[in-house]
Amino acid sequence: MNHEATRATVAGLHAELVHYGLVVWTAGNVSGRVPGEDLFVIKPSGVSYDELTPENMVVCDLDGNLVEGAHAPSSDTAAHAYVYREMPEVGGVVHTHSTYASAWAARGEAVPCVLTAMADEFGGEIPVGPFALIGDDSIGQGVVQTLKGHRSPAVLMQNHGVFTIGKDPKAAVKAAVMCEDVARTVHVSRQLGTPLPIGPAHVDRLYDRYQNVYGQRSPR
């Protein structure tokens, strides 16, 4: 049942990537860890978004080997698997080539923390990870190397695109949506002049409030 629920969740979240304009054609992917098991669900390789269903999602082990499914897994599977192996707290991983965030990645430039929304969600700048080729777990190594010990759930992999992590697949998708949103706004701001940085103490306070106070909380 865990597999079925995770397949349904991951399949449905791919529609959010399309809804927010983060992907084109068959590029990009969402994956989700199967609760209680050393497995994750990921998008099949080269299948268009309008053809994705819970049934054609694939299940892999944490070495990236296919466990269940009739399709070959995403070409980014090894990267996702590495993140899950090395960061057990991560329950979801997303990859996109969203336009504005990927433009920053093409320059190898971090998005500076000049918006309160960035302080809230990312706790500082959105960092840049190293250049790595697709095909093995090199990209995953770069993601982990960059995000371990960093408050940002998003990394701009140089010359490539965006990888985000979250406690579950939905949180990772939210991080990808917010990453593109702030990358676009900061880009526009730089056309008008020099964006003003937010001081570290203010960033800390904003991050703490958003992560621990904002929104609805369960009564204690």
Protein backbone atom coordinates (compact mmCIF):
# COMPACT_ATOMS: atom_id res chain seq x y z
CA MET A 1 0.00 0.00 0.00
CA ASN A 2 2.91 2.35 0.70
CA HIS A 3 4.06 1.90 -2.88
CA GLU A 4 0.59 2.68 -4.25
CA ALA A 5 0.15 5.80 -2.13
CA THR A 6 3.61 7.11 -3.02
CA ARG A 7 3.08 6.37 -6.71
CA ALA A 8 -0.17 8.36 -6.63
CA THR A 9 1.42 11.28 -4.78
CA VAL A 10 4.45 11.47 -7.06
CA ALA A 11 2.37 11.14 -10.23
CA GLY A 12 0.03 13.93 -9.12
CA LEU A 13 2.84 16.31 -8.18
CA HIS A 14 4.27 16.22 -11.70
CA ALA A 15 1.18 18.18 -12.76
CA GLU A 16 2.30 20.98 -10.42
CA LEU A 17 5.57 21.31 -12.35
CA VAL A 18 3.54 21.85 -15.52
CA HIS A 19 1.05 24.16 -13.78
CA TYR A 20 3.80 26.49 -12.57
CA GLY A 21 5.71 26.41 -15.87
CA LEU A 22 8.81 24.74 -14.45
CA VAL A 23 9.22 22.09 -17.16
CA VAL A 24 8.90 21.59 -20.91
CA TRP A 25 8.38 18.42 -22.96
CA THR A 26 9.61 15.47 -20.85
CA ALA A 27 12.37 17.23 -18.89
CA GLY A 28 12.31 17.34 -15.10
CA ASN A 29 11.13 14.89 -12.47
CA VAL A 30 9.73 14.39 -8.99
CA SER A 31 10.61 11.50 -6.69
CA GLY A 32 9.39 10.45 -3.27
CA ARG A 33 10.78 8.12 -0.64
CA VAL A 34 8.50 5.19 0.22
CA PRO A 35 7.78 5.54 3.97
CA GLY A 36 9.45 2.87 6.06
CA GLU A 37 11.34 1.28 3.17
CA ASP A 38 14.68 1.79 1.41
CA LEU A 39 12.84 2.58 -1.82
CA PHE A 40 11.70 5.61 -3.77
CA VAL A 41 9.24 6.33 -6.58
CA ILE A 42 10.33 8.37 -9.59
CA LYS A 43 9.08 9.43 -13.02
CA PRO A 44 9.78 7.07 -15.94
CA SER A 45 12.28 8.30 -18.52
CA GLY A 46 11.02 10.16 -21.59
CA VAL A 47 7.29 9.85 -20.82
CA SER A 48 5.28 13.03 -21.45
CA TYR A 49 3.60 14.72 -18.51
CA ASP A 50 0.09 14.21 -19.83
CA GLU A 51 0.70 10.44 -19.95
CA LEU A 52 1.91 10.08 -16.37
CA THR A 53 -0.22 7.92 -14.09
CA PRO A 54 0.36 6.22 -10.73
CA GLU A 55 0.66 2.93 -12.60
CA ASN A 56 3.57 4.01 -14.80
CA MET A 57 5.64 5.50 -11.99
CA VAL A 58 8.63 3.30 -11.19
CA VAL A 59 9.99 2.12 -7.86
CA CYS A 60 13.76 1.96 -7.29
CA ASP A 61 16.01 0.96 -4.43
CA LEU A 62 18.50 3.40 -2.91
CA ASP A 63 21.17 2.27 -5.37
CA GLY A 64 18.91 3.33 -8.23
CA ASN A 65 18.02 -0.19 -9.34
CA LEU A 66 14.55 -0.78 -10.75
CA VAL A 67 12.37 -2.73 -8.31
CA GLU A 68 8.87 -2.27 -9.74
CA GLY A 69 7.55 -0.87 -13.00
CA ALA A 70 7.36 -1.56 -16.71
CA HIS A 71 9.34 1.54 -17.75
CA ALA A 72 12.96 2.59 -17.46
CA PRO A 73 13.43 5.10 -14.65
CA SER A 74 14.40 8.74 -15.16
CA SER A 75 17.93 9.48 -16.36
CA ASP A 76 18.36 11.39 -13.07
CA THR A 77 17.61 8.32 -10.94
CA ALA A 78 21.21 7.85 -9.79
CA ALA A 79 21.30 11.45 -8.57
CA HIS A 80 18.06 11.06 -6.62
CA ALA A 81 19.24 7.75 -5.16
CA TYR A 82 22.47 9.31 -3.91
CA VAL A 83 20.55 12.09 -2.16
CA TYR A 84 18.28 9.57 -0.42
CA ARG A 85 21.25 7.45 0.66
CA GLU A 86 23.22 10.35 2.07
CA MET A 87 20.37 12.46 3.51
CA PRO A 88 17.94 10.15 5.34
CA GLU A 89 15.85 13.14 6.44
CA VAL A 90 14.94 13.86 2.80
CA GLY A 91 11.60 12.44 1.66
CA GLY A 92 11.30 14.11 -1.74
CA VAL A 93 13.56 15.35 -4.54
CA VAL A 94 12.64 17.51 -7.55
CA HIS A 95 14.63 18.45 -10.65
CA THR A 96 13.65 21.17 -13.14
CA HIS A 97 15.21 23.33 -15.83
CA SER A 98 12.97 26.28 -14.94
CA THR A 99 13.94 29.33 -16.99
CA TYR A 100 15.06 32.00 -14.55
CA ALA A 101 16.68 29.72 -11.98
CA SER A 102 18.51 27.86 -14.76
CA ALA A 103 19.73 31.19 -16.14
CA TRP A 104 21.42 31.85 -12.79
CA ALA A 105 22.83 28.30 -12.91
CA ALA A 106 24.21 28.96 -16.41
CA ARG A 107 26.19 31.87 -14.97
CA GLY A 108 27.28 29.80 -11.98
CA GLU A 109 25.86 32.50 -9.74
CA ALA A 110 23.96 32.09 -6.47
CA VAL A 111 20.69 33.99 -6.11
CA PRO A 112 21.39 36.54 -3.34
CA CYS A 113 19.01 36.87 -0.40
CA VAL A 114 17.39 40.22 -1.16
CA LEU A 115 13.72 39.31 -0.55
CA THR A 116 11.93 38.42 2.66
CA ALA A 117 10.35 35.49 0.80
CA MET A 118 13.86 34.12 0.23
CA ALA A 119 14.76 34.51 3.90
CA ASP A 120 11.53 32.70 4.79
CA GLU A 121 11.88 29.74 2.49
CA PHE A 122 15.63 29.40 1.91
CA GLY A 123 17.21 30.97 4.99
CA GLY A 124 19.69 32.86 2.82
CA GLU A 125 20.96 32.70 -0.74
CA ILE A 126 20.16 29.88 -3.14
CA PRO A 127 23.60 28.30 -3.61
CA VAL A 128 25.33 27.00 -6.72
CA GLY A 129 26.50 23.41 -6.95
CA PRO A 130 29.36 22.10 -9.11
CA PHE A 131 29.13 21.15 -12.77
CA ALA A 132 28.49 17.44 -13.21
CA LEU A 133 27.52 15.19 -16.09
CA ILE A 134 24.32 13.15 -16.21
CA GLY A 135 24.55 9.36 -16.14
CA ASP A 136 25.89 8.43 -12.71
CA ASP A 137 25.56 9.83 -9.20
CA SER A 138 27.92 12.79 -9.78
CA ILE A 139 25.01 15.24 -9.76
CA GLY A 140 23.68 13.73 -6.55
CA GLN A 141 27.11 14.12 -4.97
CA GLY A 142 27.10 17.81 -5.91
CA VAL A 143 23.60 18.30 -4.51
CA VAL A 144 24.51 16.69 -1.19
CA GLN A 145 27.87 18.45 -0.99
CA THR A 146 26.16 21.81 -1.44
CA LEU A 147 23.02 21.36 0.66
CA LYS A 148 24.33 19.42 3.66
CA GLY A 149 24.54 21.96 6.47
CA HIS A 150 22.81 24.62 4.36
CA ARG A 151 19.33 25.94 5.14
CA SER A 152 18.36 26.20 1.49
CA PRO A 153 16.28 23.29 0.14
CA ALA A 154 17.31 24.32 -3.40
CA VAL A 155 20.58 24.22 -5.30
CA LEU A 156 21.41 25.58 -8.75
CA MET A 157 23.60 22.97 -10.38
CA GLN A 158 26.04 24.87 -12.59
CA ASN A 159 25.17 24.84 -16.32
CA HIS A 160 22.27 22.49 -15.60
CA GLY A 161 19.27 23.46 -13.51
CA VAL A 162 17.52 23.18 -10.19
CA PHE A 163 17.44 20.39 -7.63
CA THR A 164 15.30 20.73 -4.53
CA ILE A 165 14.76 18.56 -1.48
CA GLY A 166 12.04 18.36 1.15
CA LYS A 167 10.68 16.33 4.02
CA ASP A 168 8.25 14.90 1.47
CA PRO A 169 7.71 15.26 -2.31
CA LYS A 170 5.20 18.13 -1.89
CA ALA A 171 7.72 20.17 0.12
CA ALA A 172 10.35 19.60 -2.57
CA VAL A 173 7.91 20.76 -5.27
CA LYS A 174 7.09 23.88 -3.24
CA ALA A 175 10.81 24.66 -2.98
CA ALA A 176 11.15 24.33 -6.77
CA VAL A 177 8.19 26.68 -7.33
CA MET A 178 9.56 29.25 -4.88
CA CYS A 179 13.08 28.95 -6.32
CA GLU A 180 11.87 29.94 -9.78
CA ASP A 181 9.67 32.72 -8.39
CA VAL A 182 12.47 34.46 -6.49
CA ALA A 183 15.03 33.84 -9.25
CA ARG A 184 12.70 35.70 -11.63
CA THR A 185 12.06 38.59 -9.22
CA VAL A 186 15.72 39.08 -8.36
CA HIS A 187 16.61 39.00 -12.07
CA VAL A 188 14.06 41.75 -12.78
CA SER A 189 15.35 43.75 -9.82
CA ARG A 190 18.87 43.66 -11.21
CA GLN A 191 17.62 45.18 -14.46
CA LEU A 192 16.52 48.20 -12.44
CA GLY A 193 19.64 48.56 -10.31
CA THR A 194 21.44 46.83 -7.47
CA PRO A 195 19.21 44.81 -5.13
CA LEU A 196 19.63 45.59 -1.45
CA PRO A 197 20.79 42.67 0.71
CA ILE A 198 18.99 41.69 3.90
CA GLY A 199 21.22 41.58 6.97
CA PRO A 200 22.04 38.14 8.42
CA ALA A 201 20.27 38.82 11.74
CA HIS A 202 17.07 39.77 9.91
CA VAL A 203 17.39 36.71 7.67
CA ASP A 204 17.65 34.52 10.77
CA ARG A 205 14.56 36.08 12.37
CA LEU A 206 12.51 35.82 9.18
CA TYR A 207 13.53 32.20 8.65
CA ASP A 208 12.74 31.23 12.23
CA ARG A 209 9.32 32.89 12.10
CA TYR A 210 8.34 31.30 8.80
CA GLN A 211 9.57 27.84 9.72
CA ASN A 212 8.25 27.77 13.29
CA VAL A 213 5.36 30.26 13.63
CA TYR A 214 3.77 30.97 10.22
CA GLY A 215 0.64 29.09 9.19
CA GLN A 216 -1.71 26.82 11.09
CA ARG A 217 -0.26 24.85 13.99
CA SER A 218 -1.74 21.85 15.75
CA PRO A 219 -2.96 22.70 19.28
CA ARG A 220 -0.75 21.34 22.03
